[in-house]
Amino acid sequence: MSRAGPPAWRPQPPAGPHRHRPPASAAPAEPPAPVAGPPRPSGAELDYTALVLCGPDEQNGRRGLLFPDSASDPVTAEYRRRAERVAALPLPGHAVRPRESAGSFDHRFDAAAPADIPSDGTWHTVTVGEIPVGLRTEYVCVPSVEQVVYTTLVLSNATDQALLAGPVEVTVNEDFLLTAALPTLAPGGVCRVGLGPAEAIGVTRRTSLHESTSGLRNNVTVLDHRVHVELANRLAVPVTVEVRERVPVTSDADVRIEERADWTAPEDGTEAEHHAPGTRLWRIELPSGGTAARDGGYEIRIPAGKALAGGNRRS
């Protein structure tokens, strides 16, 4: 008779989620491929001035697209050589390159009509458009420095078009006078262009100085300056002459300067910024063949306690 033995016991894995173990011979998983970023153009592709538009005979999808210039293309190389030769030409008189004269603004000029320019490697003048500007002739003199009257042309740009720096040809009664340099004139700007001496307008300046003392004990030195200016117009038209004088400026409250003239100071704003401190102006209207005279002056009062060793300045 046979007897059954006790049942065999086998250990069981603990209860939990099912886990899969790859076989020992399985290869490790590959890392994910990096995500491709935007295309990065080369240095030659960023040189926009050297890019060439491919013609209709180009293959491989290059037709109508910009690609770097190829040195093996003789036609492109010849055009590049011509462009570099023109860029190296010396500029005409008073001409300024647009990148230097434009300043801090950009502007587009629309040509009035197409133009044919010869490709002969020299400069040519082409009319792009016409910009009406305001013109006014003024005459300026500083007789304390030089007894000469100068002609100035005042230009004002009331349009929305920019006028870049360059040469300007000045004519009087359809007769060519000279070629001058015109500065950049932005929309709404005003500038002056010097045209040289006006030989037909004469100016003469005479001065005098009288020194005295005042005060209870004669302790104040008085320097009395007198200025006499005469103008003569030998032109066939009336003119307006701006005579510029200058009075001393002091920061000492004890030193007084008293003016004795009907001149005026420059108006506050842009006009005053272009004048030295103490500038005074006479605007004198002269008829054709006429003359005019102006008298002015100022007193400098210096207390004895402000006197300088070796003498005071007389102006």
C-alpha atoms as a PDB file:
ATOM      1  CA  MET A   1       0.000   0.000   0.000  1.00  0.00           C
ATOM      2  CA  SER A   2       1.371   3.282  -0.949  1.00  0.00           C
ATOM      3  CA  ARG A   3       1.131   6.491   1.100  1.00  0.00           C
ATOM      4  CA  ALA A   4       0.972   9.951  -0.398  1.00  0.00           C
ATOM      5  CA  GLY A   5       3.647  12.342   0.824  1.00  0.00           C
ATOM      6  CA  PRO A   6       3.185  15.995   1.751  1.00  0.00           C
ATOM      7  CA  PRO A   7       2.528  18.356  -1.143  1.00  0.00           C
ATOM      8  CA  ALA A   8       5.611  20.073  -2.625  1.00  0.00           C
ATOM      9  CA  TRP A   9       5.911  23.895  -1.941  1.00  0.00           C
ATOM     10  CA  ARG A  10       7.294  26.328  -4.546  1.00  0.00           C
ATOM     11  CA  PRO A  11       7.920  30.010  -3.853  1.00  0.00           C
ATOM     12  CA  GLN A  12       5.682  32.415  -5.825  1.00  0.00           C
ATOM     13  CA  PRO A  13       6.625  35.919  -6.963  1.00  0.00           C
ATOM     14  CA  PRO A  14       4.960  38.725  -5.047  1.00  0.00           C
ATOM     15  CA  ALA A  15       1.804  40.171  -6.435  1.00  0.00           C
ATOM     16  CA  GLY A  16       2.244  43.388  -8.405  1.00  0.00           C
ATOM     17  CA  PRO A  17       2.385  44.837 -11.922  1.00  0.00           C
ATOM     18  CA  HIS A  18       3.704  42.666 -14.664  1.00  0.00           C
ATOM     19  CA  ARG A  19       7.346  43.394 -15.502  1.00  0.00           C
ATOM     20  CA  HIS A  20       9.125  42.420 -18.677  1.00  0.00           C
ATOM     21  CA  ARG A  21      12.840  41.857 -18.637  1.00  0.00           C
ATOM     22  CA  PRO A  22      14.492  41.881 -22.049  1.00  0.00           C
ATOM     23  CA  PRO A  23      16.787  39.033 -22.723  1.00  0.00           C
ATOM     24  CA  ALA A  24      20.420  39.482 -21.919  1.00  0.00           C
ATOM     25  CA  SER A  25      21.336  39.510 -25.592  1.00  0.00           C
ATOM     26  CA  ALA A  26      19.016  42.481 -26.544  1.00  0.00           C
ATOM     27  CA  ALA A  27      20.811  45.763 -27.731  1.00  0.00           C
ATOM     28  CA  PRO A  28      20.193  49.081 -25.812  1.00  0.00           C
ATOM     29  CA  ALA A  29      17.616  51.481 -27.301  1.00  0.00           C
ATOM     30  CA  GLU A  30      19.016  54.312 -29.579  1.00  0.00           C
ATOM     31  CA  PRO A  31      18.585  57.989 -28.407  1.00  0.00           C
ATOM     32  CA  PRO A  32      15.978  60.044 -30.286  1.00  0.00           C
ATOM     33  CA  ALA A  33      17.195  61.960 -33.325  1.00  0.00           C
ATOM     34  CA  PRO A  34      17.736  65.721 -32.709  1.00  0.00           C
ATOM     35  CA  VAL A  35      15.089  68.059 -34.092  1.00  0.00           C
ATOM     36  CA  ALA A  36      16.374  69.968 -37.144  1.00  0.00           C
ATOM     37  CA  GLY A  37      16.553  73.789 -36.598  1.00  0.00           C
ATOM     38  CA  PRO A  38      16.197  76.593 -39.122  1.00  0.00           C
ATOM     39  CA  PRO A  39      18.692  76.678 -41.971  1.00  0.00           C
ATOM     40  CA  ARG A  40      21.925  78.504 -41.252  1.00  0.00           C
ATOM     41  CA  PRO A  41      23.172  80.471 -44.303  1.00  0.00           C
ATOM     42  CA  SER A  42      26.869  80.648 -44.888  1.00  0.00           C
ATOM     43  CA  GLY A  43      28.905  83.835 -44.896  1.00  0.00           C
ATOM     44  CA  ALA A  44      28.847  83.943 -48.697  1.00  0.00           C
ATOM     45  CA  GLU A  45      25.057  83.741 -48.689  1.00  0.00           C
ATOM     46  CA  LEU A  46      24.827  86.673 -46.260  1.00  0.00           C
ATOM     47  CA  ASP A  47      26.947  88.919 -48.506  1.00  0.00           C
ATOM     48  CA  TYR A  48      23.941  90.434 -50.270  1.00  0.00           C
ATOM     49  CA  THR A  49      26.005  92.651 -52.541  1.00  0.00           C
ATOM     50  CA  ALA A  50      27.741  89.572 -53.943  1.00  0.00           C
ATOM     51  CA  LEU A  51      24.563  87.562 -54.642  1.00  0.00           C
ATOM     52  CA  VAL A  52      23.650  87.001 -58.294  1.00  0.00           C
ATOM     53  CA  LEU A  53      20.196  86.319 -59.707  1.00  0.00           C
ATOM     54  CA  CYS A  54      20.347  83.080 -61.680  1.00  0.00           C
ATOM     55  CA  GLY A  55      19.134  83.286 -65.253  1.00  0.00           C
ATOM     56  CA  PRO A  56      16.574  81.168 -67.137  1.00  0.00           C
ATOM     57  CA  ASP A  57      19.220  78.657 -68.233  1.00  0.00           C
ATOM     58  CA  GLU A  58      20.147  77.627 -64.708  1.00  0.00           C
ATOM     59  CA  GLN A  59      19.377  74.048 -63.682  1.00  0.00           C
ATOM     60  CA  ASN A  60      18.813  72.278 -60.353  1.00  0.00           C
ATOM     61  CA  GLY A  61      16.128  74.674 -59.259  1.00  0.00           C
ATOM     62  CA  ARG A  62      18.430  77.760 -59.209  1.00  0.00           C
ATOM     63  CA  ARG A  63      16.480  79.705 -61.810  1.00  0.00           C
ATOM     64  CA  GLY A  64      15.217  83.063 -60.503  1.00  0.00           C
ATOM     65  CA  LEU A  65      16.958  82.669 -57.136  1.00  0.00           C
ATOM     66  CA  LEU A  66      19.882  84.494 -55.536  1.00  0.00           C
ATOM     67  CA  PHE A  67      23.133  82.587 -55.092  1.00  0.00           C
ATOM     68  CA  PRO A  68      26.712  83.635 -54.312  1.00  0.00           C
ATOM     69  CA  ASP A  69      28.678  84.861 -57.275  1.00  0.00           C
ATOM     70  CA  SER A  70      30.640  82.195 -59.053  1.00  0.00           C
ATOM     71  CA  ALA A  71      34.152  83.146 -60.087  1.00  0.00           C
ATOM     72  CA  SER A  72      33.971  80.704 -62.974  1.00  0.00           C
ATOM     73  CA  ASP A  73      31.265  82.756 -64.717  1.00  0.00           C
ATOM     74  CA  PRO A  74      33.143  85.173 -67.005  1.00  0.00           C
ATOM     75  CA  VAL A  75      30.102  87.401 -67.598  1.00  0.00           C
ATOM     76  CA  THR A  76      29.427  87.831 -63.894  1.00  0.00           C
ATOM     77  CA  ALA A  77      33.113  88.422 -63.197  1.00  0.00           C
ATOM     78  CA  GLU A  78      33.215  91.189 -65.823  1.00  0.00           C
ATOM     79  CA  TYR A  79      30.165  92.952 -64.361  1.00  0.00           C
ATOM     80  CA  ARG A  80      31.680  92.700 -60.914  1.00  0.00           C
ATOM     81  CA  ARG A  81      34.926  94.238 -62.171  1.00  0.00           C
ATOM     82  CA  ARG A  82      33.036  97.143 -63.755  1.00  0.00           C
ATOM     83  CA  ALA A  83      31.040  97.776 -60.592  1.00  0.00           C
ATOM     84  CA  GLU A  84      34.161  97.833 -58.444  1.00  0.00           C
ATOM     85  CA  ARG A  85      35.856 100.222 -60.862  1.00  0.00           C
ATOM     86  CA  VAL A  86      32.918 102.639 -60.748  1.00  0.00           C
ATOM     87  CA  ALA A  87      32.759 102.449 -56.939  1.00  0.00           C
ATOM     88  CA  ALA A  88      36.417 103.455 -56.793  1.00  0.00           C
ATOM     89  CA  LEU A  89      35.950 106.584 -58.924  1.00  0.00           C
ATOM     90  CA  PRO A  90      36.630 109.883 -57.116  1.00  0.00           C
ATOM     91  CA  LEU A  91      33.419 111.770 -56.406  1.00  0.00           C
ATOM     92  CA  PRO A  92      32.634 114.991 -58.274  1.00  0.00           C
ATOM     93  CA  GLY A  93      33.184 118.279 -56.495  1.00  0.00           C
ATOM     94  CA  HIS A  94      31.007 118.839 -53.379  1.00  0.00           C
ATOM     95  CA  ALA A  95      29.390 115.397 -53.864  1.00  0.00           C
ATOM     96  CA  VAL A  96      28.684 113.273 -50.767  1.00  0.00           C
ATOM     97  CA  ARG A  97      27.805 109.588 -50.692  1.00  0.00           C
ATOM     98  CA  PRO A  98      24.146 109.005 -49.684  1.00  0.00           C
ATOM     99  CA  ARG A  99      25.062 106.774 -46.745  1.00  0.00           C
ATOM    100  CA  GLU A 100      27.090 109.648 -45.286  1.00  0.00           C
ATOM    101  CA  SER A 101      24.677 112.490 -46.074  1.00  0.00           C
ATOM    102  CA  ALA A 102      21.361 110.817 -45.176  1.00  0.00           C
ATOM    103  CA  GLY A 103      21.998 111.128 -41.450  1.00  0.00           C
ATOM    104  CA  SER A 104      19.389 109.482 -39.229  1.00  0.00           C
ATOM    105  CA  PHE A 105      16.507 109.157 -41.666  1.00  0.00           C
ATOM    106  CA  ASP A 106      15.702 106.969 -44.673  1.00  0.00           C
ATOM    107  CA  HIS A 107      13.912 108.175 -47.750  1.00  0.00           C
ATOM    108  CA  ARG A 108      12.874 106.765 -51.100  1.00  0.00           C
ATOM    109  CA  PHE A 109      13.105 108.801 -54.286  1.00  0.00           C
ATOM    110  CA  ASP A 110      10.761 107.818 -57.112  1.00  0.00           C
ATOM    111  CA  ALA A 111      12.121 108.690 -60.546  1.00  0.00           C
ATOM    112  CA  ALA A 112       9.846 110.689 -62.809  1.00  0.00           C
ATOM    113  CA  ALA A 113      10.697 108.528 -65.842  1.00  0.00           C
ATOM    114  CA  PRO A 114      13.121 105.760 -66.884  1.00  0.00           C
ATOM    115  CA  ALA A 115      16.589 106.868 -67.934  1.00  0.00           C
ATOM    116  CA  ASP A 116      19.359 105.272 -69.986  1.00  0.00           C
ATOM    117  CA  ILE A 117      22.805 105.702 -68.438  1.00  0.00           C
ATOM    118  CA  PRO A 118      25.887 104.910 -70.547  1.00  0.00           C
ATOM    119  CA  SER A 119      28.130 102.211 -69.079  1.00  0.00           C
ATOM    120  CA  ASP A 120      31.383 104.018 -69.807  1.00  0.00           C
ATOM    121  CA  GLY A 121      32.815 104.153 -66.275  1.00  0.00           C
ATOM    122  CA  THR A 122      32.299 107.911 -65.715  1.00  0.00           C
ATOM    123  CA  TRP A 123      29.806 109.990 -63.740  1.00  0.00           C
ATOM    124  CA  HIS A 124      26.586 111.146 -65.418  1.00  0.00           C
ATOM    125  CA  THR A 125      23.921 113.553 -64.174  1.00  0.00           C
ATOM    126  CA  VAL A 126      20.398 112.113 -64.279  1.00  0.00           C
ATOM    127  CA  THR A 127      17.271 114.003 -63.244  1.00  0.00           C
ATOM    128  CA  VAL A 128      15.420 111.909 -60.669  1.00  0.00           C
ATOM    129  CA  GLY A 129      12.806 114.502 -59.720  1.00  0.00           C
ATOM    130  CA  GLU A 130      12.186 118.135 -58.867  1.00  0.00           C
ATOM    131  CA  ILE A 131      11.754 119.393 -55.296  1.00  0.00           C
ATOM    132  CA  PRO A 132      10.559 122.998 -54.910  1.00  0.00           C
ATOM    133  CA  VAL A 133      12.460 124.794 -52.147  1.00  0.00           C
ATOM    134  CA  GLY A 134      12.153 128.300 -50.787  1.00  0.00           C
ATOM    135  CA  LEU A 135      15.026 130.639 -51.695  1.00  0.00           C
ATOM    136  CA  ARG A 136      15.920 133.916 -50.055  1.00  0.00           C
ATOM    137  CA  THR A 137      19.085 135.946 -50.481  1.00  0.00           C
ATOM    138  CA  GLU A 138      20.528 137.585 -47.379  1.00  0.00           C
ATOM    139  CA  TYR A 139      23.658 139.609 -46.791  1.00  0.00           C
ATOM    140  CA  VAL A 140      25.682 139.213 -43.590  1.00  0.00           C
ATOM    141  CA  CYS A 141      28.713 141.035 -42.266  1.00  0.00           C
ATOM    142  CA  VAL A 142      30.754 141.010 -39.062  1.00  0.00           C
ATOM    143  CA  PRO A 143      32.686 144.277 -39.424  1.00  0.00           C
ATOM    144  CA  SER A 144      34.477 143.836 -36.083  1.00  0.00           C
ATOM    145  CA  VAL A 145      36.276 140.850 -37.640  1.00  0.00           C
ATOM    146  CA  GLU A 146      36.329 141.756 -41.348  1.00  0.00           C
ATOM    147  CA  GLN A 147      34.821 144.722 -43.143  1.00  0.00           C
ATOM    148  CA  VAL A 148      33.319 142.622 -45.931  1.00  0.00           C
ATOM    149  CA  VAL A 149      29.673 141.831 -46.705  1.00  0.00           C
ATOM    150  CA  TYR A 150      28.978 138.196 -47.619  1.00  0.00           C
ATOM    151  CA  THR A 151      26.116 136.825 -49.694  1.00  0.00           C
ATOM    152  CA  THR A 152      24.176 133.912 -48.198  1.00  0.00           C
ATOM    153  CA  LEU A 153      21.395 131.852 -49.714  1.00  0.00           C
ATOM    154  CA  VAL A 154      18.692 130.732 -47.275  1.00  0.00           C
ATOM    155  CA  LEU A 155      16.982 127.504 -48.337  1.00  0.00           C
ATOM    156  CA  SER A 156      13.821 126.159 -46.731  1.00  0.00           C
ATOM    157  CA  ASN A 157      12.325 122.766 -47.504  1.00  0.00           C
ATOM    158  CA  ALA A 158       8.561 122.831 -46.936  1.00  0.00           C
ATOM    159  CA  THR A 159       7.933 119.537 -48.765  1.00  0.00           C
ATOM    160  CA  ASP A 160       7.903 115.944 -47.491  1.00  0.00           C
ATOM    161  CA  GLN A 161      10.916 115.080 -49.655  1.00  0.00           C
ATOM    162  CA  ALA A 162      14.465 114.975 -48.313  1.00  0.00           C
ATOM    163  CA  LEU A 163      17.193 116.930 -50.088  1.00  0.00           C
ATOM    164  CA  LEU A 164      20.538 115.156 -49.694  1.00  0.00           C
ATOM    165  CA  ALA A 165      23.889 116.903 -49.542  1.00  0.00           C
ATOM    166  CA  GLY A 166      25.658 117.641 -52.794  1.00  0.00           C
ATOM    167  CA  PRO A 167      26.654 120.373 -55.228  1.00  0.00           C
ATOM    168  CA  VAL A 168      24.275 123.241 -56.005  1.00  0.00           C
ATOM    169  CA  GLU A 169      24.679 125.536 -59.005  1.00  0.00           C
ATOM    170  CA  VAL A 170      23.747 129.149 -58.336  1.00  0.00           C
ATOM    171  CA  THR A 171      22.608 131.428 -61.153  1.00  0.00           C
ATOM    172  CA  VAL A 172      21.684 135.114 -61.037  1.00  0.00           C
ATOM    173  CA  ASN A 173      19.517 136.461 -63.861  1.00  0.00           C
ATOM    174  CA  GLU A 174      20.200 133.247 -65.811  1.00  0.00           C
ATOM    175  CA  ASP A 175      23.962 133.825 -65.493  1.00  0.00           C
ATOM    176  CA  PHE A 176      25.985 131.105 -63.781  1.00  0.00           C
ATOM    177  CA  LEU A 177      27.557 132.398 -60.575  1.00  0.00           C
ATOM    178  CA  LEU A 178      29.226 129.454 -58.835  1.00  0.00           C
ATOM    179  CA  THR A 179      28.899 125.878 -57.595  1.00  0.00           C
ATOM    180  CA  ALA A 180      28.583 125.540 -53.805  1.00  0.00           C
ATOM    181  CA  ALA A 181      28.140 122.697 -51.312  1.00  0.00           C
ATOM    182  CA  LEU A 182      24.573 122.088 -50.185  1.00  0.00           C
ATOM    183  CA  PRO A 183      24.145 120.357 -46.790  1.00  0.00           C
ATOM    184  CA  THR A 184      21.462 117.764 -46.139  1.00  0.00           C
ATOM    185  CA  LEU A 185      18.058 119.410 -45.888  1.00  0.00           C
ATOM    186  CA  ALA A 186      15.421 117.227 -44.231  1.00  0.00           C
ATOM    187  CA  PRO A 187      11.694 117.915 -44.693  1.00  0.00           C
ATOM    188  CA  GLY A 188      10.885 121.174 -42.904  1.00  0.00           C
ATOM    189  CA  GLY A 189      14.558 122.130 -42.533  1.00  0.00           C
ATOM    190  CA  VAL A 190      16.235 125.488 -43.149  1.00  0.00           C
ATOM    191  CA  CYS A 191      19.912 126.074 -43.932  1.00  0.00           C
ATOM    192  CA  ARG A 192      22.270 128.766 -45.205  1.00  0.00           C
ATOM    193  CA  VAL A 193      24.711 128.415 -48.081  1.00  0.00           C
ATOM    194  CA  GLY A 194      27.568 130.904 -48.375  1.00  0.00           C
ATOM    195  CA  LEU A 195      28.093 132.414 -51.831  1.00  0.00           C
ATOM    196  CA  GLY A 196      31.159 134.544 -51.162  1.00  0.00           C
ATOM    197  CA  PRO A 197      31.765 138.297 -50.796  1.00  0.00           C
ATOM    198  CA  ALA A 198      29.300 140.825 -52.195  1.00  0.00           C
ATOM    199  CA  GLU A 199      31.676 143.317 -53.790  1.00  0.00           C
ATOM    200  CA  ALA A 200      28.868 145.750 -54.624  1.00  0.00           C
ATOM    201  CA  ILE A 201      28.015 146.358 -50.948  1.00  0.00           C
ATOM    202  CA  GLY A 202      30.511 148.273 -48.852  1.00  0.00           C
ATOM    203  CA  VAL A 203      30.825 148.434 -45.072  1.00  0.00           C
ATOM    204  CA  THR A 204      32.937 150.636 -42.806  1.00  0.00           C
ATOM    205  CA  ARG A 205      33.288 150.383 -39.025  1.00  0.00           C
ATOM    206  CA  ARG A 206      34.819 152.917 -36.629  1.00  0.00           C
ATOM    207  CA  THR A 207      35.153 152.592 -32.866  1.00  0.00           C
ATOM    208  CA  SER A 208      36.131 154.809 -29.980  1.00  0.00           C
ATOM    209  CA  LEU A 209      36.846 154.227 -26.297  1.00  0.00           C
ATOM    210  CA  HIS A 210      36.509 156.750 -23.470  1.00  0.00           C
ATOM    211  CA  GLU A 211      37.708 155.808 -19.992  1.00  0.00           C
ATOM    212  CA  SER A 212      36.543 157.646 -16.866  1.00  0.00           C
ATOM    213  CA  THR A 213      35.673 157.099 -13.216  1.00  0.00           C
ATOM    214  CA  SER A 214      32.470 157.536 -11.272  1.00  0.00           C
ATOM    215  CA  GLY A 215      31.096 157.035  -7.787  1.00  0.00           C
ATOM    216  CA  LEU A 216      31.400 158.999  -4.576  1.00  0.00           C
ATOM    217  CA  ARG A 217      35.106 158.246  -4.317  1.00  0.00           C
ATOM    218  CA  ASN A 218      35.725 157.632  -7.988  1.00  0.00           C
ATOM    219  CA  ASN A 219      35.967 153.956  -7.178  1.00  0.00           C
ATOM    220  CA  VAL A 220      34.240 152.708 -10.365  1.00  0.00           C
ATOM    221  CA  THR A 221      36.071 152.549 -13.691  1.00  0.00           C
ATOM    222  CA  VAL A 222      33.785 153.286 -16.660  1.00  0.00           C
ATOM    223  CA  LEU A 223      34.840 152.050 -20.131  1.00  0.00           C
ATOM    224  CA  ASP A 224      32.573 153.678 -22.714  1.00  0.00           C
ATOM    225  CA  HIS A 225      32.745 151.898 -26.107  1.00  0.00           C
ATOM    226  CA  ARG A 226      31.222 153.545 -29.186  1.00  0.00           C
ATOM    227  CA  VAL A 227      30.596 151.785 -32.525  1.00  0.00           C
ATOM    228  CA  HIS A 228      29.755 153.490 -35.846  1.00  0.00           C
ATOM    229  CA  VAL A 229      28.868 151.365 -38.910  1.00  0.00           C
ATOM    230  CA  GLU A 230      28.203 152.677 -42.441  1.00  0.00           C
ATOM    231  CA  LEU A 231      26.808 150.688 -45.384  1.00  0.00           C
ATOM    232  CA  ALA A 232      26.575 151.506 -49.078  1.00  0.00           C
ATOM    233  CA  ASN A 233      24.581 149.554 -51.692  1.00  0.00           C
ATOM    234  CA  ARG A 234      25.780 149.775 -55.292  1.00  0.00           C
ATOM    235  CA  LEU A 235      23.446 147.044 -56.564  1.00  0.00           C
ATOM    236  CA  ALA A 236      20.495 147.709 -58.858  1.00  0.00           C
ATOM    237  CA  VAL A 237      18.100 146.133 -56.345  1.00  0.00           C
ATOM    238  CA  PRO A 238      17.332 146.867 -52.678  1.00  0.00           C
ATOM    239  CA  VAL A 239      18.939 144.546 -50.131  1.00  0.00           C
ATOM    240  CA  THR A 240      18.743 143.732 -46.433  1.00  0.00           C
ATOM    241  CA  VAL A 241      22.053 143.440 -44.600  1.00  0.00           C
ATOM    242  CA  GLU A 242      22.453 141.742 -41.222  1.00  0.00           C
ATOM    243  CA  VAL A 243      25.256 143.415 -39.248  1.00  0.00           C
ATOM    244  CA  ARG A 244      26.555 141.353 -36.335  1.00  0.00           C
ATOM    245  CA  GLU A 245      28.215 142.955 -33.341  1.00  0.00           C
ATOM    246  CA  ARG A 246      29.166 141.555 -29.954  1.00  0.00           C
ATOM    247  CA  VAL A 247      29.067 142.895 -26.414  1.00  0.00           C
ATOM    248  CA  PRO A 248      31.048 141.483 -23.475  1.00  0.00           C
ATOM    249  CA  VAL A 249      29.471 138.865 -21.210  1.00  0.00           C
ATOM    250  CA  THR A 250      30.217 138.635 -17.492  1.00  0.00           C
ATOM    251  CA  SER A 251      29.222 136.290 -14.705  1.00  0.00           C
ATOM    252  CA  ASP A 252      30.214 138.740 -11.950  1.00  0.00           C
ATOM    253  CA  ALA A 253      27.218 140.618 -10.561  1.00  0.00           C
ATOM    254  CA  ASP A 254      29.419 143.570  -9.504  1.00  0.00           C
ATOM    255  CA  VAL A 255      30.672 144.171 -13.062  1.00  0.00           C
ATOM    256  CA  ARG A 256      27.882 145.833 -15.037  1.00  0.00           C
ATOM    257  CA  ILE A 257      27.514 146.113 -18.790  1.00  0.00           C
ATOM    258  CA  GLU A 258      25.068 148.715 -20.089  1.00  0.00           C
ATOM    259  CA  GLU A 259      24.188 148.711 -23.779  1.00  0.00           C
ATOM    260  CA  ARG A 260      23.432 151.872 -25.731  1.00  0.00           C
ATOM    261  CA  ALA A 261      22.134 150.780 -29.122  1.00  0.00           C
ATOM    262  CA  ASP A 262      18.957 149.794 -30.927  1.00  0.00           C
ATOM    263  CA  TRP A 263      20.328 146.394 -31.929  1.00  0.00           C
ATOM    264  CA  THR A 264      18.600 143.165 -30.899  1.00  0.00           C
ATOM    265  CA  ALA A 265      19.704 139.816 -29.525  1.00  0.00           C
ATOM    266  CA  PRO A 266      19.117 136.629 -31.566  1.00  0.00           C
ATOM    267  CA  GLU A 267      15.734 135.081 -30.928  1.00  0.00           C
ATOM    268  CA  ASP A 268      15.574 132.086 -28.645  1.00  0.00           C
ATOM    269  CA  GLY A 269      15.634 128.761 -30.442  1.00  0.00           C
ATOM    270  CA  THR A 270      17.647 127.450 -33.353  1.00  0.00           C
ATOM    271  CA  GLU A 271      18.875 130.900 -34.410  1.00  0.00           C
ATOM    272  CA  ALA A 272      20.370 131.649 -31.006  1.00  0.00           C
ATOM    273  CA  GLU A 273      22.232 128.330 -30.926  1.00  0.00           C
ATOM    274  CA  HIS A 274      24.308 129.335 -33.967  1.00  0.00           C
ATOM    275  CA  HIS A 275      25.524 132.611 -32.427  1.00  0.00           C
ATOM    276  CA  ALA A 276      28.214 133.245 -29.839  1.00  0.00           C
ATOM    277  CA  PRO A 277      27.174 134.620 -26.427  1.00  0.00           C
ATOM    278  CA  GLY A 278      26.735 138.383 -26.489  1.00  0.00           C
ATOM    279  CA  THR A 279      25.875 138.571 -30.201  1.00  0.00           C
ATOM    280  CA  ARG A 280      23.760 141.553 -31.265  1.00  0.00           C
ATOM    281  CA  LEU A 281      22.106 142.080 -34.640  1.00  0.00           C
ATOM    282  CA  TRP A 282      21.259 145.051 -36.835  1.00  0.00           C
ATOM    283  CA  ARG A 283      19.000 144.352 -39.826  1.00  0.00           C
ATOM    284  CA  ILE A 284      19.442 147.286 -42.190  1.00  0.00           C
ATOM    285  CA  GLU A 285      17.412 147.781 -45.363  1.00  0.00           C
ATOM    286  CA  LEU A 286      19.324 149.505 -48.148  1.00  0.00           C
ATOM    287  CA  PRO A 287      17.641 150.853 -51.280  1.00  0.00           C
ATOM    288  CA  SER A 288      19.357 150.619 -54.634  1.00  0.00           C
ATOM    289  CA  GLY A 289      22.277 153.037 -54.601  1.00  0.00           C
ATOM    290  CA  GLY A 290      21.477 154.044 -51.007  1.00  0.00           C
ATOM    291  CA  THR A 291      23.497 154.293 -47.820  1.00  0.00           C
ATOM    292  CA  ALA A 292      22.766 153.829 -44.128  1.00  0.00           C
ATOM    293  CA  ALA A 293      24.555 154.313 -40.801  1.00  0.00           C
ATOM    294  CA  ARG A 294      24.092 152.906 -37.315  1.00  0.00           C
ATOM    295  CA  ASP A 295      25.534 154.006 -33.981  1.00  0.00           C
ATOM    296  CA  GLY A 296      25.768 151.812 -30.922  1.00  0.00           C
ATOM    297  CA  GLY A 297      27.903 150.951 -27.977  1.00  0.00           C
ATOM    298  CA  TYR A 298      28.104 149.781 -24.388  1.00  0.00           C
ATOM    299  CA  GLU A 299      29.639 150.717 -21.061  1.00  0.00           C
ATOM    300  CA  ILE A 300      31.617 148.430 -18.789  1.00  0.00           C
ATOM    301  CA  ARG A 301      31.518 149.482 -15.111  1.00  0.00           C
ATOM    302  CA  ILE A 302      34.186 147.842 -12.959  1.00  0.00           C
ATOM    303  CA  PRO A 303      34.350 148.506  -9.168  1.00  0.00           C
ATOM    304  CA  ALA A 304      37.753 149.223  -7.648  1.00  0.00           C
ATOM    305  CA  GLY A 305      37.659 145.957  -5.726  1.00  0.00           C
ATOM    306  CA  LYS A 306      37.372 144.045  -9.007  1.00  0.00           C
ATOM    307  CA  ALA A 307      40.345 145.734 -10.666  1.00  0.00           C
ATOM    308  CA  LEU A 308      43.003 143.410 -12.039  1.00  0.00           C
ATOM    309  CA  ALA A 309      46.683 143.733 -11.311  1.00  0.00           C
ATOM    310  CA  GLY A 310      48.343 145.212 -14.367  1.00  0.00           C
ATOM    311  CA  GLY A 311      45.160 146.784 -15.753  1.00  0.00           C
ATOM    312  CA  ASN A 312      41.636 145.878 -16.745  1.00  0.00           C
ATOM    313  CA  ARG A 313      40.503 144.625 -20.108  1.00  0.00           C
ATOM    314  CA  ARG A 314      39.247 147.359 -22.376  1.00  0.00           C
ATOM    315  CA  SER A 315      36.807 145.183 -24.327  1.00  0.00           C
END
